[in-house]
């Protein structure tokens, strides 16, 4: 199966608590959308970005407590995308 590149944009929503999370990556591939929380680059001892199996590596700095919360987060992203079909049309910040 051929690899299909994901389209991505970044958003910085403000939560009801007033907390704003910048640089949330929103990806779309094969009609499915999902959102990734911000992460920190993993660096080697020489300060270079770590790459494994051709994939850049990132360290988790924020996480959701359960898979259910992660799925609800991505479902919300999908609803926003459906309401604003051009929002992820290559217009990332």
C-alpha atoms as a PDB file:
ATOM      1  CA  UNK A   1       0.000   0.000   0.000  1.00  0.00           C
ATOM      2  CA  UNK A   2       1.391   3.397  -0.944  1.00  0.00           C
ATOM      3  CA  UNK A   3       2.045   5.944   1.786  1.00  0.00           C
ATOM      4  CA  UNK A   4      -0.390   8.843   1.628  1.00  0.00           C
ATOM      5  CA  UNK A   5       0.991  12.047   3.098  1.00  0.00           C
ATOM      6  CA  UNK A   6      -1.093  13.787   5.718  1.00  0.00           C
ATOM      7  CA  UNK A   7      -2.073  17.384   5.217  1.00  0.00           C
ATOM      8  CA  UNK A   8      -1.366  19.454   8.330  1.00  0.00           C
ATOM      9  CA  UNK A   9      -2.086  22.820   9.869  1.00  0.00           C
ATOM     10  CA  UNK A  10      -1.586  24.201  13.358  1.00  0.00           C
ATOM     11  CA  UNK A  11      -4.124  25.777  15.645  1.00  0.00           C
ATOM     12  CA  UNK A  12      -4.040  27.359  19.107  1.00  0.00           C
ATOM     13  CA  UNK A  13      -7.460  27.048  20.720  1.00  0.00           C
ATOM     14  CA  UNK A  14      -8.387  28.571  24.055  1.00  0.00           C
ATOM     15  CA  UNK A  15     -10.007  26.118  26.445  1.00  0.00           C
ATOM     16  CA  UNK A  16     -12.970  27.008  28.702  1.00  0.00           C
ATOM     17  CA  UNK A  17     -10.499  27.261  31.609  1.00  0.00           C
ATOM     18  CA  UNK A  18      -8.740  30.114  29.785  1.00  0.00           C
ATOM     19  CA  UNK A  19      -5.697  27.977  28.994  1.00  0.00           C
ATOM     20  CA  UNK A  20      -4.515  28.366  25.403  1.00  0.00           C
ATOM     21  CA  UNK A  21      -2.490  25.540  23.857  1.00  0.00           C
ATOM     22  CA  UNK A  22      -0.449  26.726  20.878  1.00  0.00           C
ATOM     23  CA  UNK A  23       0.854  24.590  18.017  1.00  0.00           C
ATOM     24  CA  UNK A  24      -1.687  21.791  18.044  1.00  0.00           C
ATOM     25  CA  UNK A  25      -0.987  19.923  14.819  1.00  0.00           C
ATOM     26  CA  UNK A  26      -4.133  18.983  12.902  1.00  0.00           C
ATOM     27  CA  UNK A  27      -3.650  16.252  10.295  1.00  0.00           C
ATOM     28  CA  UNK A  28      -5.918  14.984   7.520  1.00  0.00           C
ATOM     29  CA  UNK A  29      -5.274  11.791   5.594  1.00  0.00           C
ATOM     30  CA  UNK A  30      -7.660   9.686   3.551  1.00  0.00           C
ATOM     31  CA  UNK A  31     -10.650  11.725   4.766  1.00  0.00           C
ATOM     32  CA  UNK A  32      -9.834  11.281   8.479  1.00  0.00           C
ATOM     33  CA  UNK A  33      -8.731  14.128  10.753  1.00  0.00           C
ATOM     34  CA  UNK A  34      -6.915  13.991  14.074  1.00  0.00           C
ATOM     35  CA  UNK A  35      -5.085  16.409  16.343  1.00  0.00           C
ATOM     36  CA  UNK A  36      -1.731  15.994  18.067  1.00  0.00           C
ATOM     37  CA  UNK A  37      -0.830  17.887  21.195  1.00  0.00           C
ATOM     38  CA  UNK A  38       2.409  19.904  21.150  1.00  0.00           C
ATOM     39  CA  UNK A  39       5.598  17.893  21.625  1.00  0.00           C
ATOM     40  CA  UNK A  40       9.297  18.614  22.089  1.00  0.00           C
ATOM     41  CA  UNK A  41      11.950  17.572  19.570  1.00  0.00           C
ATOM     42  CA  UNK A  42      14.091  14.658  20.723  1.00  0.00           C
ATOM     43  CA  UNK A  43      17.747  15.587  20.316  1.00  0.00           C
ATOM     44  CA  UNK A  44      20.837  13.382  20.341  1.00  0.00           C
ATOM     45  CA  UNK A  45      24.010  14.159  22.318  1.00  0.00           C
ATOM     46  CA  UNK A  46      25.183  16.462  19.483  1.00  0.00           C
ATOM     47  CA  UNK A  47      21.935  18.439  19.468  1.00  0.00           C
ATOM     48  CA  UNK A  48      20.602  16.908  16.223  1.00  0.00           C
ATOM     49  CA  UNK A  49      16.986  15.877  15.799  1.00  0.00           C
ATOM     50  CA  UNK A  50      16.625  12.125  16.433  1.00  0.00           C
ATOM     51  CA  UNK A  51      15.230  10.204  13.432  1.00  0.00           C
ATOM     52  CA  UNK A  52      14.256   6.501  13.613  1.00  0.00           C
ATOM     53  CA  UNK A  53      13.055   4.543  10.578  1.00  0.00           C
ATOM     54  CA  UNK A  54      12.852   7.824   8.612  1.00  0.00           C
ATOM     55  CA  UNK A  55      10.498   9.343  11.223  1.00  0.00           C
ATOM     56  CA  UNK A  56      11.472  12.397  13.302  1.00  0.00           C
ATOM     57  CA  UNK A  57      11.099  11.647  17.016  1.00  0.00           C
ATOM     58  CA  UNK A  58       9.292  13.852  19.539  1.00  0.00           C
ATOM     59  CA  UNK A  59       9.005  13.661  23.325  1.00  0.00           C
ATOM     60  CA  UNK A  60       5.584  13.902  24.920  1.00  0.00           C
ATOM     61  CA  UNK A  61       5.078  17.008  27.041  1.00  0.00           C
ATOM     62  CA  UNK A  62       1.282  16.830  27.355  1.00  0.00           C
ATOM     63  CA  UNK A  63      -1.030  13.842  27.274  1.00  0.00           C
ATOM     64  CA  UNK A  64      -4.647  12.876  27.613  1.00  0.00           C
ATOM     65  CA  UNK A  65      -5.473  10.552  30.510  1.00  0.00           C
ATOM     66  CA  UNK A  66      -7.388   7.988  28.447  1.00  0.00           C
ATOM     67  CA  UNK A  67      -7.805   6.780  24.877  1.00  0.00           C
ATOM     68  CA  UNK A  68     -11.461   7.848  25.118  1.00  0.00           C
ATOM     69  CA  UNK A  69     -10.390  11.463  25.717  1.00  0.00           C
ATOM     70  CA  UNK A  70      -7.983  11.273  22.760  1.00  0.00           C
ATOM     71  CA  UNK A  71     -10.761   9.926  20.526  1.00  0.00           C
ATOM     72  CA  UNK A  72     -13.180  12.654  21.694  1.00  0.00           C
ATOM     73  CA  UNK A  73     -10.504  15.289  21.003  1.00  0.00           C
ATOM     74  CA  UNK A  74     -10.044  14.029  17.439  1.00  0.00           C
ATOM     75  CA  UNK A  75     -13.813  13.713  16.915  1.00  0.00           C
ATOM     76  CA  UNK A  76     -14.117  17.390  17.835  1.00  0.00           C
ATOM     77  CA  UNK A  77     -11.429  18.222  15.288  1.00  0.00           C
ATOM     78  CA  UNK A  78     -13.395  16.289  12.672  1.00  0.00           C
ATOM     79  CA  UNK A  79     -16.561  18.284  13.488  1.00  0.00           C
ATOM     80  CA  UNK A  80     -14.650  21.551  13.113  1.00  0.00           C
ATOM     81  CA  UNK A  81     -13.204  20.359   9.795  1.00  0.00           C
ATOM     82  CA  UNK A  82     -16.664  19.402   8.509  1.00  0.00           C
ATOM     83  CA  UNK A  83     -18.024  22.823   9.508  1.00  0.00           C
ATOM     84  CA  UNK A  84     -15.043  24.618   7.926  1.00  0.00           C
ATOM     85  CA  UNK A  85     -13.938  22.457   4.961  1.00  0.00           C
ATOM     86  CA  UNK A  86     -11.267  24.936   3.832  1.00  0.00           C
ATOM     87  CA  UNK A  87      -9.714  25.304   7.300  1.00  0.00           C
ATOM     88  CA  UNK A  88      -7.096  22.623   6.608  1.00  0.00           C
ATOM     89  CA  UNK A  89      -6.586  23.366   2.932  1.00  0.00           C
ATOM     90  CA  UNK A  90      -2.841  23.873   3.288  1.00  0.00           C
ATOM     91  CA  UNK A  91      -3.338  27.080   5.221  1.00  0.00           C
ATOM     92  CA  UNK A  92      -1.392  26.140   8.347  1.00  0.00           C
ATOM     93  CA  UNK A  93       0.418  28.878  10.250  1.00  0.00           C
END
